[in-house]
Amino acid sequence: MLCGLATSFPTSAADADRLNGHWTLDEDRSEDAEDAFDGKLRKRRFGSSLPDSSSGPGGRRTVADKSQDEYWRTVAEKEERRSAGNLSRLGTVYPLITATELDISPARGGLEIVYDKLLPRFVRPNPDGRVFSASGDELVADTIGYTLAYWEGTDLMLETDPPDGGKYIERLRLSDDGQRIEYRVKVRGRVLEEPVEMTREFVRAGEARAHAGQTR
């Protein structure tokens, strides 16, 4: 499990500001999700691992909650039309390993990450690091699962317990020049024969356009 000493809150706030922006996938420097999980899915013995509209934690429904519900309904409909071995069987990690665009912005004292302009996800990095209190106030709950966010050095760490069991551990590492995010995720789940780890890389939108112009 990835863990470590957290930086002080002012440094963490500065790191959060540097993550803000629109990011696009650099396919040439990213692992393909289908390749990473090829041969790792168990033979189908379970129902869908995707949440339904009522599977998110309780409480008052927000606009973001409704957007998440709509996203999962769309994915479920696609699942019904595709083969039994598709990636949506992995459950709520599906958008995290397939997104080609990320929009990161400050929200409610934390960060909102929007995947492919469709799925909003709110995280609140804990300034005290990877610690849990009796109240559990540092956890953020939504349809993806219960997520603890914290800083390990300047890396943003996300540890999620999804609704159907298992674990997702994500690391977002910003490059020194602030133009790239290295995204690593380790996935454990009941539909997997063994844990799978994969790496993807995102480039800041302005940098991506400049790179495209150079390669023409």
Protein backbone atom coordinates (compact mmCIF):
# COMPACT_ATOMS: atom_id res chain seq x y z
CA MET A 1 0.00 0.00 0.00
CA LEU A 2 1.29 3.46 -0.89
CA CYS A 3 1.67 5.70 2.13
CA GLY A 4 4.05 8.24 3.58
CA LEU A 5 4.54 11.55 5.34
CA ALA A 6 2.25 14.38 4.34
CA THR A 7 3.48 17.87 3.61
CA SER A 8 2.16 20.83 5.58
CA PHE A 9 -1.16 22.31 4.54
CA PRO A 10 0.23 25.43 2.75
CA THR A 11 2.41 23.24 0.52
CA SER A 12 -0.52 20.93 -0.16
CA ALA A 13 -2.69 23.87 -1.19
CA ALA A 14 0.00 25.03 -3.61
CA ASP A 15 0.26 21.52 -5.08
CA ALA A 16 -3.51 21.44 -5.52
CA ASP A 17 -3.40 24.74 -7.43
CA ARG A 18 -0.80 23.31 -9.81
CA LEU A 19 -3.10 20.41 -10.69
CA ASN A 20 -5.89 22.73 -11.80
CA GLY A 21 -6.67 22.79 -15.50
CA HIS A 22 -7.72 20.73 -18.51
CA TRP A 23 -5.65 17.62 -19.23
CA THR A 24 -5.66 15.25 -22.21
CA LEU A 25 -4.30 11.72 -22.47
CA ASP A 26 -0.94 11.20 -24.16
CA GLU A 27 -1.71 7.84 -25.76
CA ASP A 28 1.87 7.27 -26.88
CA ARG A 29 3.10 7.40 -23.27
CA SER A 30 0.16 5.60 -21.66
CA GLU A 31 -0.69 1.97 -21.07
CA ASP A 32 -3.85 0.76 -22.77
CA ALA A 33 -6.47 -0.37 -20.26
CA GLU A 34 -7.62 -3.34 -22.33
CA ASP A 35 -4.02 -4.56 -22.63
CA ALA A 36 -3.33 -4.04 -18.91
CA PHE A 37 -6.36 -6.11 -17.86
CA ASP A 38 -6.20 -8.66 -20.67
CA GLY A 39 -6.42 -12.16 -19.21
CA LYS A 40 -6.81 -10.84 -15.65
CA LEU A 41 -10.63 -10.95 -15.46
CA ARG A 42 -12.16 -14.00 -13.84
CA LYS A 43 -14.67 -16.02 -15.79
CA ARG A 44 -17.99 -14.29 -15.40
CA ARG A 45 -19.72 -15.53 -12.26
CA PHE A 46 -20.89 -12.23 -10.83
CA GLY A 47 -23.53 -9.73 -11.77
CA SER A 48 -22.67 -6.22 -12.83
CA SER A 49 -20.16 -4.42 -10.60
CA LEU A 50 -21.51 -1.04 -11.61
CA PRO A 51 -23.51 0.96 -9.07
CA ASP A 52 -27.16 1.68 -9.68
CA SER A 53 -28.77 5.03 -9.05
CA SER A 54 -29.52 4.12 -5.44
CA SER A 55 -26.16 2.55 -4.53
CA GLY A 56 -24.36 5.78 -3.62
CA PRO A 57 -24.03 6.67 0.07
CA GLY A 58 -27.08 8.38 1.56
CA GLY A 59 -27.65 12.01 2.30
CA ARG A 60 -28.96 14.90 0.31
CA ARG A 61 -28.63 14.46 -3.47
CA THR A 62 -26.61 17.13 -5.28
CA VAL A 63 -26.23 18.04 -8.94
CA ALA A 64 -22.95 16.10 -8.95
CA ASP A 65 -24.73 13.03 -7.50
CA LYS A 66 -27.29 13.14 -10.30
CA SER A 67 -24.52 13.52 -12.90
CA GLN A 68 -22.82 10.43 -11.50
CA ASP A 69 -26.08 8.48 -11.67
CA GLU A 70 -26.56 9.44 -15.30
CA TYR A 71 -22.99 8.41 -16.13
CA TRP A 72 -23.40 4.93 -14.64
CA ARG A 73 -26.74 4.42 -16.39
CA THR A 74 -25.04 5.17 -19.72
CA VAL A 75 -22.18 2.75 -18.99
CA ALA A 76 -24.63 0.03 -17.90
CA GLU A 77 -26.58 0.38 -21.13
CA LYS A 78 -23.35 0.00 -23.12
CA GLU A 79 -22.42 -3.04 -21.03
CA GLU A 80 -25.64 -4.80 -21.99
CA ARG A 81 -24.81 -4.36 -25.68
CA ARG A 82 -21.21 -5.57 -25.44
CA SER A 83 -19.45 -8.84 -24.68
CA ALA A 84 -19.23 -10.31 -21.19
CA GLY A 85 -15.48 -9.67 -20.99
CA ASN A 86 -15.52 -5.89 -21.34
CA LEU A 87 -13.82 -3.48 -18.94
CA SER A 88 -17.04 -2.19 -17.39
CA ARG A 89 -17.08 -5.45 -15.40
CA LEU A 90 -14.34 -3.87 -13.30
CA GLY A 91 -16.92 -1.64 -11.65
CA THR A 92 -16.41 1.93 -10.57
CA VAL A 93 -12.72 2.02 -11.52
CA TYR A 94 -13.85 1.93 -15.17
CA PRO A 95 -13.80 5.73 -15.81
CA LEU A 96 -10.51 6.10 -13.92
CA ILE A 97 -8.66 3.75 -16.30
CA THR A 98 -10.38 4.76 -19.56
CA ALA A 99 -10.72 8.55 -19.37
CA THR A 100 -8.96 10.53 -22.09
CA GLU A 101 -9.69 13.95 -20.58
CA LEU A 102 -9.49 15.30 -17.03
CA ASP A 103 -10.76 18.65 -15.79
CA ILE A 104 -9.42 19.52 -12.33
CA SER A 105 -10.63 22.54 -10.40
CA PRO A 106 -11.01 23.75 -6.78
CA ALA A 107 -14.35 22.95 -5.15
CA ARG A 108 -15.72 23.07 -1.60
CA GLY A 109 -12.31 23.14 0.03
CA GLY A 110 -11.04 20.27 -2.10
CA LEU A 111 -10.76 19.30 -5.75
CA GLU A 112 -13.29 18.29 -8.37
CA ILE A 113 -12.06 15.91 -11.08
CA VAL A 114 -14.34 15.52 -14.10
CA TYR A 115 -13.66 12.52 -16.33
CA ASP A 116 -14.33 12.95 -20.06
CA LYS A 117 -16.59 15.94 -19.27
CA LEU A 118 -19.21 13.47 -17.95
CA LEU A 119 -18.40 12.12 -14.50
CA PRO A 120 -17.69 14.55 -11.63
CA ARG A 121 -15.73 13.33 -8.62
CA PHE A 122 -15.01 15.40 -5.53
CA VAL A 123 -11.99 14.67 -3.30
CA ARG A 124 -10.80 16.47 -0.19
CA PRO A 125 -7.06 15.94 0.45
CA ASN A 126 -6.51 15.43 4.17
CA PRO A 127 -3.87 17.93 5.39
CA ASP A 128 -2.93 15.46 8.15
CA GLY A 129 -1.88 12.80 5.63
CA ARG A 130 -2.97 9.17 5.52
CA VAL A 131 -4.84 9.08 8.81
CA PHE A 132 -8.35 8.04 9.78
CA SER A 133 -10.38 9.50 12.62
CA ALA A 134 -13.20 7.82 14.49
CA SER A 135 -15.69 10.13 12.78
CA GLY A 136 -14.40 9.34 9.30
CA ASP A 137 -14.85 12.97 8.26
CA GLU A 138 -11.79 12.80 6.02
CA LEU A 139 -13.52 10.26 3.73
CA VAL A 140 -15.53 11.42 0.71
CA ALA A 141 -18.38 9.13 -0.33
CA ASP A 142 -19.99 8.90 -3.76
CA THR A 143 -20.91 6.25 -6.32
CA ILE A 144 -17.21 5.48 -6.95
CA GLY A 145 -16.77 4.51 -3.30
CA TYR A 146 -15.30 5.88 -0.08
CA THR A 147 -12.15 7.83 -0.93
CA LEU A 148 -9.36 9.06 1.33
CA ALA A 149 -7.26 11.72 -0.39
CA TYR A 150 -3.94 12.96 0.99
CA TRP A 151 -0.53 14.26 -0.10
CA GLU A 152 2.58 12.09 -0.20
CA GLY A 153 5.29 14.64 -0.79
CA THR A 154 3.88 16.54 -3.78
CA ASP A 155 1.93 13.53 -5.12
CA LEU A 156 -1.84 13.41 -4.70
CA MET A 157 -2.87 9.99 -3.35
CA LEU A 158 -6.40 8.60 -3.56
CA GLU A 159 -7.36 5.37 -1.77
CA THR A 160 -10.86 4.16 -2.57
CA ASP A 161 -12.99 1.33 -1.18
CA PRO A 162 -15.53 0.70 -3.97
CA PRO A 163 -19.12 -0.42 -3.32
CA ASP A 164 -18.50 -4.00 -4.49
CA GLY A 165 -15.29 -4.57 -2.51
CA GLY A 166 -11.65 -4.41 -3.45
CA LYS A 167 -9.39 -1.35 -3.46
CA TYR A 168 -8.16 1.36 -5.83
CA ILE A 169 -4.92 3.19 -5.02
CA GLU A 170 -4.19 6.15 -7.29
CA ARG A 171 -1.17 8.42 -7.50
CA LEU A 172 -1.17 11.70 -9.45
CA ARG A 173 2.36 13.02 -9.93
CA LEU A 174 2.90 16.40 -11.55
CA SER A 175 6.04 16.93 -13.64
CA ASP A 176 8.58 19.55 -12.54
CA ASP A 177 7.47 21.92 -15.31
CA GLY A 178 3.80 21.49 -14.37
CA GLN A 179 2.80 20.36 -17.87
CA ARG A 180 2.26 16.62 -17.32
CA ILE A 181 0.51 14.35 -14.84
CA GLU A 182 1.71 10.79 -14.41
CA TYR A 183 -1.31 8.79 -13.26
CA ARG A 184 -0.71 5.38 -11.66
CA VAL A 185 -3.46 3.15 -10.35
CA LYS A 186 -3.39 -0.24 -8.65
CA VAL A 187 -6.68 -2.15 -8.73
CA ARG A 188 -7.81 -5.04 -6.55
CA GLY A 189 -11.27 -6.46 -7.08
CA ARG A 190 -13.35 -9.61 -6.92
CA VAL A 191 -13.54 -9.91 -10.72
CA LEU A 192 -9.74 -9.94 -11.04
CA GLU A 193 -7.47 -12.97 -10.85
CA GLU A 194 -4.72 -10.76 -9.36
CA PRO A 195 -4.09 -7.06 -8.65
CA VAL A 196 -3.38 -4.96 -11.74
CA GLU A 197 -1.27 -1.82 -11.87
CA MET A 198 -1.15 0.55 -14.83
CA THR A 199 0.27 3.97 -15.72
CA ARG A 200 -1.17 6.68 -17.92
CA GLU A 201 0.09 10.17 -18.70
CA PHE A 202 -1.87 13.36 -19.22
CA VAL A 203 -0.61 16.59 -20.74
CA ARG A 204 -1.90 20.09 -20.03
CA ALA A 205 -4.22 21.18 -22.84
CA GLY A 206 -2.09 24.08 -24.09
CA GLU A 207 1.01 21.89 -24.15
CA ALA A 208 -0.90 19.19 -26.04
CA ARG A 209 -1.86 21.65 -28.80
CA ALA A 210 1.73 22.82 -29.12
CA HIS A 211 2.96 19.23 -29.38
CA ALA A 212 0.36 18.44 -32.05
CA GLY A 213 1.54 21.42 -34.10
CA GLN A 214 5.15 20.27 -33.93
CA THR A 215 4.33 16.78 -35.17
CA ARG A 216 2.42 17.88 -38.26
